[in-house]
Amino acid sequence: MKKIAGLLLWLFAFHFGFGQNVPPNPVLSFSIEEPPLSKTVSPVPFAETIKAEDLKAHLAILASDAMEGRETGTEGQRKAAAYLAQQFEKMGLPRIGENDSYLQKIAFTQENWESIELHVNNKPFKYLWQFYAFPPTNRDRALLKAKEVIFLGYGIDDERYSDYKGVNVRGKVVMVYDGEPVNEGGVSQVTGTEVLSDWTTKYRKKMKAARAHGASTLLIIIDNDIQKSIRSNRANLLNPKMQIGKGEHPEKNYANNCFISTKIAKTIAGKKYKKILGAKEKMQSTGKAKSIRLKAKIELVQKKRIRQILGSNVLGFIEGTDEKLKNEVVLVTAHYDHLGKRGKTIFNGADDNGSGTSSVLEVAQAFVEAKQKGIGPGRSVLCMLVSGEEKGLLGSQFYAEFPVFPLENTVADLNMDMVGRTDSKHIDNPFYVYVIGSDRLSTELHQINETANATYTQLDLDYTYNADNDPNRFYYRSDHYNFAKKGIPSIFYFSGTHKDYHRPTDTVEKINFEKMEQIARLVFYTAWELANRDKRIEADVIGRN
């Protein structure tokens, strides 16, 4: 019966012209008795419905002035979401979003300082010069007044080393050094090795420890160059990123806090500053913690301005046709948000990322064409356009934390972000694409993409930005990464940056639609194989994520 069923399927495919001239896949093997759909039916006619003129039609709308740059939380972003939902509705896709819609709605929070002031012994210190603080890790507070500060070493509370042991800091202002005690041999008193602990690399741990012990405020001394620290954090200090929901709930998680200069620490300590230095040296050499009580008048204002912003992911779901496989899902993603407008200047974001968004729409309609012909996909495919990428990959992060379909059933994510331009490296050959992440979790995913390209699209696959030591760190900078972090094999398709990146000049007339067409077809071919092969790909690579 299996052979007969396979023959009937082959005859069906041949009759409709989908079984001709399909080169064998050199990577993937299959049984003659039970051939997977991807081996008996050619995806070429469906891929060929992805056309440059259709991509251009979508992009002309998405990157028009009417969309106002599609910044998350703005009317422009809502217009773009409505257009994308309309396209999925025209395709006849089901409404799997909230309230019988195509949307997964997301609430974002953005926090800035309305007023932040620090006085020590009636002396004012300048914000972003001698001290700084991150709004998301502080609760809103009108005024703190204190007459005492407790120096508490490094503010560490660990099994091997604890500054809090035997010290009551409830309701107190606590002052600590950044980092952790390390002896002259470079060995940490916390880890017992030359490897530093999370107490150095994750500053929130000290804020959480202070909160757990009841401290009202934590002052962290930047023992080197505070100006260097301010410069490295300047973007987040001046324009904090949006966060999902109500943010980090600092009132529950952290003691209010500031990073302070050595000059402020000296002003607080006064004549006891040498005693603090001596205690610090002893902690480093012996691992013995020591607290010192300091008389100092502290006044600290930390008033925040909080904005609640709504965004949405747009969901285009093509349900699988194989009863055994349809509960598994292949993701095809792109972010549709951009930078919005500044005054009257609109950042249209044609390449970033109207190009990827338009491409996902075309991939979705190619799968719809196949399903309407009664030919797959076996597994389900979710074509998802996310918002909040420009705010810190937030839309994809939200889906990864609150998935519509279980992540354990998610086979892979194919993500397109900026696929419409040519960078300076490829001026002589625009038909290329940077492939990032394909082999970081799954050798099969890498092979499938390679074979799809060799068989159908013949693009130049450039792995430059896939290198572990890529200084641009592009692997961590687009939406696929939120799925890769969860162990889901992922590919980021990218055509590189250019002089119009994040500028108002990123406009439609500069897009190479023929190139976009080929990249979108490669994504479709790869997704087709992932959706139709008998055996789900495995995450078999360890240590590169």
Protein backbone atom coordinates (compact mmCIF):
# COMPACT_ATOMS: atom_id res chain seq x y z
CA MET A 1 0.00 0.00 0.00
CA LYS A 2 2.85 2.41 0.78
CA LYS A 3 4.34 1.95 -2.69
CA ILE A 4 0.93 2.49 -4.31
CA ALA A 5 0.30 5.62 -2.26
CA GLY A 6 3.72 6.94 -3.21
CA LEU A 7 3.09 6.21 -6.90
CA LEU A 8 -0.30 7.97 -6.83
CA LEU A 9 1.27 11.02 -5.23
CA TRP A 10 4.02 11.05 -7.87
CA LEU A 11 1.45 10.76 -10.68
CA PHE A 12 -0.54 13.62 -9.13
CA ALA A 13 2.54 15.79 -9.00
CA PHE A 14 3.55 14.89 -12.57
CA HIS A 15 0.07 15.68 -13.86
CA PHE A 16 0.20 19.20 -12.41
CA GLY A 17 3.74 19.79 -13.59
CA PHE A 18 5.34 19.86 -10.13
CA GLY A 19 7.51 16.77 -10.43
CA GLN A 20 9.73 17.66 -13.34
CA ASN A 21 13.44 18.47 -13.41
CA VAL A 22 13.98 18.37 -9.64
CA PRO A 23 17.64 17.68 -8.85
CA PRO A 24 18.19 15.16 -6.05
CA ASN A 25 19.16 16.57 -2.66
CA PRO A 26 22.69 15.32 -1.94
CA VAL A 27 22.37 15.93 1.80
CA LEU A 28 19.04 14.39 2.74
CA SER A 29 18.12 10.77 2.16
CA PHE A 30 14.61 9.30 2.00
CA SER A 31 12.83 6.02 1.67
CA ILE A 32 11.50 5.01 -1.76
CA GLU A 33 8.50 3.44 -0.04
CA GLU A 34 7.67 6.58 1.97
CA PRO A 35 9.07 9.58 0.10
CA PRO A 36 8.66 12.88 1.93
CA LEU A 37 6.50 15.44 0.17
CA SER A 38 9.53 17.65 -0.45
CA LYS A 39 10.97 14.86 -2.64
CA THR A 40 7.91 14.07 -4.70
CA VAL A 41 6.52 17.54 -5.34
CA SER A 42 8.57 20.36 -6.77
CA PRO A 43 8.31 23.61 -4.82
CA VAL A 44 9.45 25.59 -7.86
CA PRO A 45 6.00 26.69 -9.17
CA PHE A 46 5.12 28.03 -5.72
CA ALA A 47 8.46 29.77 -5.24
CA GLU A 48 7.99 31.43 -8.62
CA THR A 49 4.88 33.18 -7.27
CA ILE A 50 7.36 35.24 -5.21
CA LYS A 51 7.95 38.06 -7.68
CA ALA A 52 9.92 41.28 -7.65
CA GLU A 53 6.90 43.33 -8.75
CA ASP A 54 4.81 42.01 -5.83
CA LEU A 55 7.60 42.72 -3.36
CA LYS A 56 7.82 46.25 -4.74
CA ALA A 57 4.07 46.77 -4.41
CA HIS A 58 4.15 45.79 -0.71
CA LEU A 59 7.23 47.83 0.04
CA ALA A 60 5.89 50.93 -1.70
CA ILE A 61 3.10 50.95 0.86
CA LEU A 62 5.09 49.89 3.95
CA ALA A 63 7.86 52.42 3.36
CA SER A 64 5.59 55.26 2.28
CA ASP A 65 5.31 58.53 4.17
CA ALA A 66 1.78 57.49 5.17
CA MET A 67 3.29 54.86 7.49
CA GLU A 68 5.31 57.58 9.27
CA GLY A 69 8.35 55.33 9.77
CA ARG A 70 6.44 52.58 11.64
CA GLU A 71 7.90 53.34 15.06
CA THR A 72 6.55 50.98 17.73
CA GLY A 73 3.67 52.51 19.67
CA THR A 74 2.83 55.12 17.05
CA GLU A 75 -0.05 55.51 14.63
CA GLY A 76 2.35 54.62 11.80
CA GLN A 77 3.13 51.25 13.35
CA ARG A 78 -0.58 50.58 13.85
CA LYS A 79 -1.25 51.43 10.19
CA ALA A 80 1.49 49.02 9.12
CA ALA A 81 0.07 46.27 11.33
CA ALA A 82 -3.38 46.83 9.83
CA TYR A 83 -1.95 46.53 6.31
CA LEU A 84 -0.13 43.28 7.17
CA ALA A 85 -3.25 41.83 8.80
CA GLN A 86 -5.24 42.79 5.69
CA GLN A 87 -2.78 40.85 3.51
CA PHE A 88 -3.11 37.73 5.66
CA GLU A 89 -6.88 38.10 5.53
CA LYS A 90 -6.79 38.29 1.72
CA MET A 91 -4.81 35.05 1.74
CA GLY A 92 -7.63 33.43 3.69
CA LEU A 93 -5.50 32.72 6.76
CA PRO A 94 -7.20 32.07 10.10
CA ARG A 95 -7.35 34.71 12.84
CA ILE A 96 -5.24 33.20 15.60
CA GLY A 97 -4.52 36.48 17.42
CA GLU A 98 -6.31 38.16 20.29
CA ASN A 99 -10.01 39.00 20.00
CA ASP A 100 -10.42 37.19 16.69
CA SER A 101 -7.62 39.16 15.02
CA TYR A 102 -4.22 38.63 13.42
CA LEU A 103 -2.45 40.47 16.25
CA GLN A 104 -0.51 39.45 19.31
CA LYS A 105 -0.65 42.65 21.33
CA ILE A 106 2.24 43.75 23.51
CA ALA A 107 2.43 46.39 26.24
CA PHE A 108 5.80 48.14 26.53
CA THR A 109 7.15 50.48 29.18
CA GLN A 110 9.71 53.22 28.66
CA GLU A 111 11.19 55.05 31.65
CA ASN A 112 13.28 58.23 31.79
CA TRP A 113 14.41 60.50 34.59
CA GLU A 114 12.22 63.52 35.13
CA SER A 115 14.44 64.67 37.98
CA ILE A 116 17.54 63.11 39.55
CA GLU A 117 19.69 64.93 42.13
CA LEU A 118 22.35 63.88 44.62
CA HIS A 119 23.66 66.00 47.51
CA VAL A 120 26.32 64.79 49.96
CA ASN A 121 26.88 66.92 53.06
CA ASN A 122 24.92 69.71 51.30
CA LYS A 123 27.25 69.55 48.27
CA PRO A 124 25.51 68.94 44.91
CA PHE A 125 26.98 66.49 42.39
CA LYS A 126 26.28 66.60 38.66
CA TYR A 127 24.33 63.77 37.01
CA LEU A 128 26.16 62.08 34.11
CA TRP A 129 29.36 63.63 35.38
CA GLN A 130 29.98 62.28 38.88
CA PHE A 131 27.10 59.78 39.14
CA TYR A 132 24.46 57.99 37.07
CA ALA A 133 21.53 55.60 37.50
CA PHE A 134 19.32 53.45 35.27
CA PRO A 135 15.58 54.25 35.57
CA PRO A 136 14.38 50.63 35.08
CA THR A 137 16.26 49.42 38.19
CA ASN A 138 14.94 52.18 40.46
CA ARG A 139 11.50 52.80 41.90
CA ASP A 140 10.07 56.29 41.69
CA ARG A 141 11.07 58.22 44.80
CA ALA A 142 10.54 61.88 45.62
CA LEU A 143 13.31 62.35 48.18
CA LEU A 144 15.63 60.22 50.30
CA LYS A 145 17.19 61.79 53.39
CA ALA A 146 19.80 59.90 55.39
CA LYS A 147 22.43 60.77 58.02
CA GLU A 148 24.46 57.57 57.86
CA VAL A 149 26.03 55.35 55.17
CA ILE A 150 27.32 51.83 55.72
CA PHE A 151 30.39 50.87 53.70
CA LEU A 152 29.86 47.18 52.89
CA GLY A 153 32.86 46.07 50.84
CA TYR A 154 31.63 44.79 47.48
CA GLY A 155 27.96 44.23 48.33
CA ILE A 156 28.27 40.49 47.68
CA ASP A 157 26.20 37.81 49.41
CA ASP A 158 27.61 34.45 48.31
CA GLU A 159 28.31 31.12 50.01
CA ARG A 160 32.06 31.52 49.70
CA TYR A 161 32.18 35.25 50.47
CA SER A 162 29.53 37.54 52.00
CA ASP A 163 29.71 41.22 52.93
CA TYR A 164 26.29 41.02 54.60
CA LYS A 165 27.06 38.36 57.20
CA GLY A 166 26.39 39.76 60.67
CA VAL A 167 25.52 43.27 59.38
CA ASN A 168 22.05 44.84 59.69
CA VAL A 169 21.46 47.21 56.77
CA ARG A 170 17.67 47.43 56.95
CA GLY A 171 16.51 50.90 55.91
CA LYS A 172 20.11 52.05 55.44
CA VAL A 173 22.13 53.58 52.62
CA VAL A 174 24.85 51.10 51.64
CA MET A 175 28.04 51.99 49.73
CA VAL A 176 30.03 49.26 47.94
CA TYR A 177 32.71 48.86 45.29
CA ASP A 178 31.94 47.50 41.86
CA GLY A 179 33.41 44.12 40.92
CA GLU A 180 34.64 41.58 43.49
CA PRO A 181 37.72 41.03 45.70
CA VAL A 182 40.63 39.61 43.70
CA ASN A 183 44.06 38.90 45.24
CA GLU A 184 47.47 39.78 43.80
CA GLY A 185 47.56 36.44 41.97
CA GLY A 186 44.35 37.29 40.11
CA VAL A 187 42.26 34.78 42.06
CA SER A 188 38.72 35.81 43.01
CA GLN A 189 37.76 35.39 46.66
CA VAL A 190 34.26 34.51 45.42
CA THR A 191 35.05 31.79 42.87
CA GLY A 192 38.45 30.65 44.13
CA THR A 193 39.72 30.84 40.55
CA GLU A 194 40.84 33.47 38.05
CA VAL A 195 37.33 33.41 36.57
CA LEU A 196 35.22 36.29 37.83
CA SER A 197 31.72 35.65 39.15
CA ASP A 198 28.34 37.08 38.17
CA TRP A 199 28.79 39.64 40.95
CA THR A 200 31.17 41.42 38.58
CA THR A 201 29.44 40.84 35.25
CA LYS A 202 25.79 41.25 36.34
CA TYR A 203 25.39 44.41 38.40
CA ARG A 204 21.73 43.71 39.16
CA LYS A 205 22.80 40.94 41.53
CA LYS A 206 24.13 43.53 43.97
CA MET A 207 20.90 45.53 43.73
CA LYS A 208 18.88 42.38 44.41
CA ALA A 209 21.06 41.44 47.39
CA ALA A 210 20.66 44.92 48.87
CA ARG A 211 16.89 44.70 48.41
CA ALA A 212 16.79 41.24 50.00
CA HIS A 213 18.59 42.57 53.10
CA GLY A 214 16.29 45.57 53.37
CA ALA A 215 18.68 48.36 52.32
CA SER A 216 16.95 51.51 51.13
CA THR A 217 19.67 52.60 48.69
CA LEU A 218 22.80 51.13 47.15
CA LEU A 219 25.69 53.36 46.06
CA ILE A 220 28.16 51.52 43.80
CA ILE A 221 31.63 53.06 43.53
CA ILE A 222 33.09 52.98 40.02
CA ASP A 223 36.70 52.66 41.15
CA ASN A 224 38.30 53.60 37.85
CA ASP A 225 37.13 56.21 35.34
CA ILE A 226 33.44 57.00 35.87
CA GLN A 227 33.43 59.13 32.70
CA LYS A 228 34.43 56.06 30.70
CA SER A 229 31.61 54.11 32.34
CA ILE A 230 29.13 56.89 31.53
CA ARG A 231 30.27 57.00 27.89
CA SER A 232 29.85 53.24 27.48
CA ASN A 233 26.31 53.40 28.91
CA ARG A 234 25.33 56.74 27.39
CA ALA A 235 22.74 55.44 24.92
CA ASN A 236 20.77 53.59 27.60
CA LEU A 237 21.11 56.44 30.06
CA LEU A 238 19.85 59.11 27.67
CA ASN A 239 17.27 56.99 25.86
CA PRO A 240 16.43 53.88 27.88
CA LYS A 241 15.10 50.96 25.87
CA MET A 242 11.50 49.93 26.10
CA GLN A 243 10.76 46.91 28.21
CA ILE A 244 7.98 44.34 28.00
CA GLY A 245 5.01 44.84 30.30
CA LYS A 246 5.65 47.01 33.34
CA GLY A 247 9.39 46.63 33.14
CA GLU A 248 11.61 45.14 35.83
CA HIS A 249 9.36 45.83 38.86
CA PRO A 250 12.16 47.55 40.79
CA GLU A 251 9.96 48.02 43.85
CA LYS A 252 10.01 44.23 44.28
CA ASN A 253 13.45 43.38 42.95
CA TYR A 254 16.03 46.09 43.65
CA ALA A 255 17.16 48.58 46.22
CA ASN A 256 17.23 52.05 44.71
CA ASN A 257 20.73 52.66 43.43
CA CYS A 258 23.31 54.96 41.87
CA PHE A 259 26.76 54.45 40.40
CA ILE A 260 29.07 57.04 41.95
CA SER A 261 32.58 58.38 41.39
CA THR A 262 35.52 57.98 43.73
CA LYS A 263 35.18 61.71 44.46
CA ILE A 264 31.66 61.18 45.84
CA ALA A 265 32.86 58.18 47.86
CA LYS A 266 35.62 60.32 49.40
CA THR A 267 33.09 63.03 50.26
CA ILE A 268 30.89 60.46 52.00
CA ALA A 269 33.76 58.79 53.88
CA GLY A 270 35.66 61.94 54.87
CA LYS A 271 38.52 61.10 57.23
CA LYS A 272 37.57 57.41 57.17
CA TYR A 273 38.43 57.03 53.48
CA LYS A 274 41.88 55.59 54.27
CA LYS A 275 40.18 53.08 56.55
CA ILE A 276 37.98 52.03 53.63
CA LEU A 277 41.01 51.55 51.39
CA GLY A 278 42.67 49.42 54.07
CA ALA A 279 39.53 47.30 54.45
CA LYS A 280 39.36 46.86 50.68
CA GLU A 281 42.96 45.62 50.51
CA LYS A 282 42.28 43.13 53.31
CA MET A 283 39.19 41.81 51.52
CA GLN A 284 41.25 41.29 48.39
CA SER A 285 44.13 39.51 50.12
CA THR A 286 42.29 37.46 52.79
CA GLY A 287 38.67 37.29 51.65
CA LYS A 288 37.51 38.65 55.02
CA ALA A 289 34.65 41.16 54.71
CA LYS A 290 34.48 44.31 56.83
CA SER A 291 31.78 46.97 57.24
CA ILE A 292 32.37 50.59 58.28
CA ARG A 293 29.74 53.07 59.49
CA LEU A 294 30.09 56.56 58.07
CA LYS A 295 28.45 59.78 59.20
CA ALA A 296 27.26 61.60 56.09
CA LYS A 297 24.22 63.60 55.07
CA ILE A 298 22.66 62.14 51.90
CA GLU A 299 19.83 63.67 49.87
CA LEU A 300 18.75 61.82 46.73
CA VAL A 301 15.86 62.60 44.36
CA GLN A 302 14.87 59.97 41.76
CA LYS A 303 11.66 60.98 39.99
CA LYS A 304 10.76 59.04 36.85
CA ARG A 305 8.68 59.73 33.76
CA ILE A 306 6.97 56.52 32.70
CA ARG A 307 5.33 55.92 29.30
CA GLN A 308 3.10 52.95 28.49
CA ILE A 309 3.25 52.00 24.79
CA LEU A 310 1.31 49.37 22.84
CA GLY A 311 2.78 47.37 19.97
CA SER A 312 1.79 44.15 18.22
CA ASN A 313 3.11 41.15 16.36
CA VAL A 314 1.16 40.17 13.24
CA LEU A 315 0.48 36.46 12.76
CA GLY A 316 0.03 34.69 9.42
CA PHE A 317 -0.65 31.00 10.11
CA ILE A 318 -0.68 28.31 7.44
CA GLU A 319 -1.87 25.14 9.14
CA GLY A 320 -0.08 21.94 8.16
CA THR A 321 -1.87 19.22 6.24
CA ASP A 322 -0.18 16.16 7.75
CA GLU A 323 -2.02 14.94 10.86
CA LYS A 324 1.22 13.63 12.37
CA LEU A 325 3.27 16.74 11.66
CA LYS A 326 0.94 19.74 11.75
CA ASN A 327 1.43 20.39 15.47
CA GLU A 328 5.04 21.26 14.69
CA VAL A 329 5.68 24.81 13.45
CA VAL A 330 8.26 26.43 11.18
CA LEU A 331 8.68 30.15 11.90
CA VAL A 332 9.40 32.72 9.18
CA THR A 333 9.99 36.15 10.72
CA ALA A 334 10.91 39.79 10.12
CA HIS A 335 10.41 42.98 12.08
CA TYR A 336 8.18 45.60 10.51
CA ASP A 337 8.86 48.48 12.89
CA HIS A 338 11.41 51.21 12.24
CA LEU A 339 12.53 54.54 13.72
CA GLY A 340 9.44 56.64 13.02
CA LYS A 341 9.94 60.35 12.48
CA ARG A 342 11.86 63.18 14.09
CA GLY A 343 9.96 66.40 13.65
CA LYS A 344 8.88 66.42 10.01
CA THR A 345 11.64 64.03 8.90
CA ILE A 346 10.40 60.49 8.24
CA PHE A 347 12.65 57.43 8.51
CA ASN A 348 10.91 55.26 5.94
CA GLY A 349 12.98 52.14 6.57
CA ALA A 350 12.64 50.60 3.11
CA ASP A 351 15.53 48.18 3.61
CA ASP A 352 15.31 48.16 7.41
CA ASN A 353 13.08 46.30 7.47
CA GLY A 354 10.38 46.87 4.90
CA SER A 355 12.40 44.52 2.71
CA GLY A 356 12.22 41.58 5.12
CA THR A 357 8.57 42.31 5.92
CA SER A 358 7.54 42.32 2.25
CA SER A 359 9.50 39.10 1.73
CA VAL A 360 7.68 37.32 4.56
CA LEU A 361 4.35 38.28 3.00
CA GLU A 362 5.44 36.72 -0.28
CA VAL A 363 6.70 33.56 1.43
CA ALA A 364 3.32 33.26 3.16
CA GLN A 365 1.39 33.55 -0.09
CA ALA A 366 3.64 30.93 -1.72
CA PHE A 367 2.69 28.45 1.00
CA VAL A 368 -0.95 29.43 0.62
CA GLU A 369 -0.71 28.70 -3.13
CA ALA A 370 0.69 25.25 -2.35
CA LYS A 371 -2.03 24.49 0.19
CA GLN A 372 -4.76 25.63 -2.19
CA LYS A 373 -3.41 23.10 -4.70
CA GLY A 374 -3.70 20.44 -2.00
CA ILE A 375 0.08 20.12 -1.71
CA GLY A 376 1.37 20.72 1.80
CA PRO A 377 2.94 22.02 3.83
CA GLY A 378 3.04 18.97 6.08
CA ARG A 379 4.05 20.95 9.16
CA SER A 380 2.45 24.26 10.00
CA VAL A 381 4.15 27.51 9.06
CA LEU A 382 3.83 30.72 11.07
CA CYS A 383 4.80 33.84 9.13
CA MET A 384 5.20 36.42 11.87
CA LEU A 385 5.97 40.14 11.57
CA VAL A 386 7.16 41.57 14.87
CA SER A 387 7.32 45.06 16.35
CA GLY A 388 9.72 46.41 18.96
CA GLU A 389 12.89 45.20 17.22
CA GLU A 390 14.38 48.68 17.10
CA LYS A 391 13.66 48.98 20.83
CA GLY A 392 15.69 45.89 21.75
CA LEU A 393 14.24 42.84 19.91
CA LEU A 394 11.18 43.12 22.13
CA GLY A 395 8.44 41.76 19.85
CA SER A 396 10.25 38.49 19.22
CA GLN A 397 11.25 38.33 22.88
CA PHE A 398 7.59 38.63 23.82
CA TYR A 399 6.61 35.79 21.48
CA ALA A 400 9.47 33.62 22.78
CA GLU A 401 8.20 34.18 26.34
CA PHE A 402 4.49 33.95 25.50
CA PRO A 403 4.32 31.78 22.36
CA VAL A 404 1.09 31.12 20.54
CA PHE A 405 2.41 27.64 19.76
CA PRO A 406 4.65 25.76 22.23
CA LEU A 407 8.35 26.41 21.67
CA GLU A 408 9.06 22.70 22.04
CA ASN A 409 7.00 22.24 18.87
CA THR A 410 8.85 25.00 17.00
CA VAL A 411 11.18 23.43 14.45
CA ALA A 412 13.23 26.46 13.32
CA ASP A 413 13.13 30.20 12.70
CA LEU A 414 14.09 31.75 9.36
CA ASN A 415 14.49 35.50 9.88
CA MET A 416 14.95 38.21 7.24
CA ASP A 417 16.26 41.62 8.26
CA MET A 418 17.54 44.06 5.59
CA VAL A 419 17.61 41.96 2.43
CA GLY A 420 17.13 44.61 -0.26
CA ARG A 421 20.44 46.43 -0.72
CA THR A 422 24.03 45.70 -1.77
CA ASP A 423 26.94 46.54 0.49
CA SER A 424 30.35 47.77 -0.64
CA LYS A 425 31.89 44.29 -0.51
CA HIS A 426 29.52 42.92 -3.17
CA ILE A 427 29.21 45.79 -5.63
CA ASP A 428 30.24 43.51 -8.49
CA ASN A 429 27.80 40.75 -7.53
CA PRO A 430 24.57 41.89 -5.87
CA PHE A 431 23.13 38.36 -5.85
CA TYR A 432 24.43 37.31 -2.46
CA VAL A 433 23.15 37.05 1.09
CA TYR A 434 24.88 36.90 4.44
CA VAL A 435 23.83 33.72 6.24
CA ILE A 436 24.18 34.01 10.00
CA GLY A 437 23.57 31.30 12.59
CA SER A 438 22.66 28.41 10.29
CA ASP A 439 25.22 26.04 11.82
CA ARG A 440 25.25 27.34 15.39
CA LEU A 441 22.60 24.92 16.65
CA SER A 442 21.91 22.43 13.86
CA THR A 443 24.14 20.95 11.16
CA GLU A 444 21.00 19.80 9.35
CA LEU A 445 19.61 23.31 9.08
CA HIS A 446 22.87 24.52 7.57
CA GLN A 447 22.90 21.66 5.06
CA ILE A 448 19.26 22.19 4.10
CA ASN A 449 19.85 25.88 3.37
CA GLU A 450 23.04 25.11 1.42
CA THR A 451 21.28 22.47 -0.67
CA ALA A 452 18.23 24.67 -1.33
CA ASN A 453 20.51 27.39 -2.61
CA ALA A 454 22.65 25.08 -4.74
CA THR A 455 19.54 23.48 -6.23
CA TYR A 456 17.38 26.50 -6.87
CA THR A 457 18.66 30.03 -6.22
CA GLN A 458 22.47 29.93 -6.66
CA LEU A 459 23.06 33.00 -4.50
CA ASP A 460 26.52 33.68 -3.12
CA LEU A 461 26.15 32.61 0.52
CA ASP A 462 28.51 34.74 2.60
CA TYR A 463 29.30 33.51 6.14
CA THR A 464 31.51 36.43 7.15
CA TYR A 465 29.20 37.60 9.93
CA ASN A 466 28.64 34.08 11.23
CA ALA A 467 32.14 34.00 12.71
CA ASP A 468 32.25 33.66 16.48
CA ASN A 469 34.57 36.65 16.68
CA ASP A 470 32.54 38.91 14.37
CA PRO A 471 33.09 42.37 15.89
CA ASN A 472 29.67 43.53 14.62
CA ARG A 473 27.93 40.78 16.64
CA PHE A 474 25.12 40.65 14.08
CA TYR A 475 24.16 37.17 15.30
CA TYR A 476 22.87 38.79 18.49
CA ARG A 477 21.20 41.78 16.84
CA SER A 478 18.07 40.52 15.09
CA ASP A 479 14.92 38.68 16.07
CA HIS A 480 16.12 35.15 15.34
CA TYR A 481 18.34 35.39 18.42
CA ASN A 482 15.41 35.27 20.83
CA PHE A 483 14.56 31.86 19.39
CA ALA A 484 18.15 30.66 19.19
CA LYS A 485 18.50 31.47 22.91
CA LYS A 486 15.67 29.00 23.52
CA GLY A 487 17.52 26.28 21.58
CA ILE A 488 15.53 26.67 18.33
CA PRO A 489 17.73 26.36 15.20
CA SER A 490 17.67 29.71 13.40
CA ILE A 491 19.00 31.52 10.36
CA PHE A 492 19.37 35.27 9.95
CA TYR A 493 19.36 36.36 6.27
CA PHE A 494 20.97 39.77 5.80
CA SER A 495 22.44 41.80 2.93
CA GLY A 496 24.62 44.06 5.08
CA THR A 497 24.64 47.68 6.12
CA HIS A 498 25.02 50.72 3.86
CA LYS A 499 25.32 54.51 4.04
CA ASP A 500 21.53 54.88 4.40
CA TYR A 501 21.28 52.58 7.42
CA HIS A 502 19.08 54.26 10.07
CA ARG A 503 18.86 57.40 7.98
CA PRO A 504 15.89 59.12 6.30
CA THR A 505 17.50 58.21 2.96
CA ASP A 506 16.66 54.48 3.32
CA THR A 507 13.99 54.67 0.62
CA VAL A 508 12.24 52.40 -1.89
CA GLU A 509 13.98 53.51 -5.10
CA LYS A 510 17.31 52.18 -3.78
CA ILE A 511 16.06 48.61 -3.33
CA ASN A 512 17.17 45.76 -5.61
CA PHE A 513 13.91 43.83 -5.96
CA GLU A 514 15.38 41.09 -8.15
CA LYS A 515 17.85 40.32 -5.38
CA MET A 516 15.03 40.40 -2.79
CA GLU A 517 13.09 37.96 -4.93
CA GLN A 518 15.91 35.43 -4.90
CA ILE A 519 16.51 35.71 -1.16
CA ALA A 520 12.79 35.33 -0.41
CA ARG A 521 12.70 32.26 -2.66
CA LEU A 522 15.69 30.75 -0.84
CA VAL A 523 13.86 31.25 2.45
CA PHE A 524 10.77 29.61 0.98
CA TYR A 525 12.73 26.62 -0.35
CA THR A 526 14.42 26.14 3.02
CA ALA A 527 11.12 26.47 4.88
CA TRP A 528 9.51 24.05 2.41
CA GLU A 529 12.07 21.37 3.23
CA LEU A 530 11.75 22.01 6.97
CA ALA A 531 7.96 21.80 6.76
CA ASN A 532 7.72 18.68 4.59
CA ARG A 533 10.58 16.34 5.48
CA ASP A 534 9.61 13.25 7.46
CA LYS A 535 12.02 13.75 10.35
CA ARG A 536 12.25 17.01 12.21
CA ILE A 537 15.72 18.57 12.24
CA GLU A 538 17.72 18.24 15.44
CA ALA A 539 19.65 20.79 17.47
CA ASP A 540 22.89 18.84 17.53
CA VAL A 541 25.53 21.57 17.95
CA ILE A 542 26.77 22.43 21.43
CA GLY A 543 28.74 25.46 22.55
CA ARG A 544 28.33 27.97 19.67
CA ASN A 545 25.16 29.80 20.68
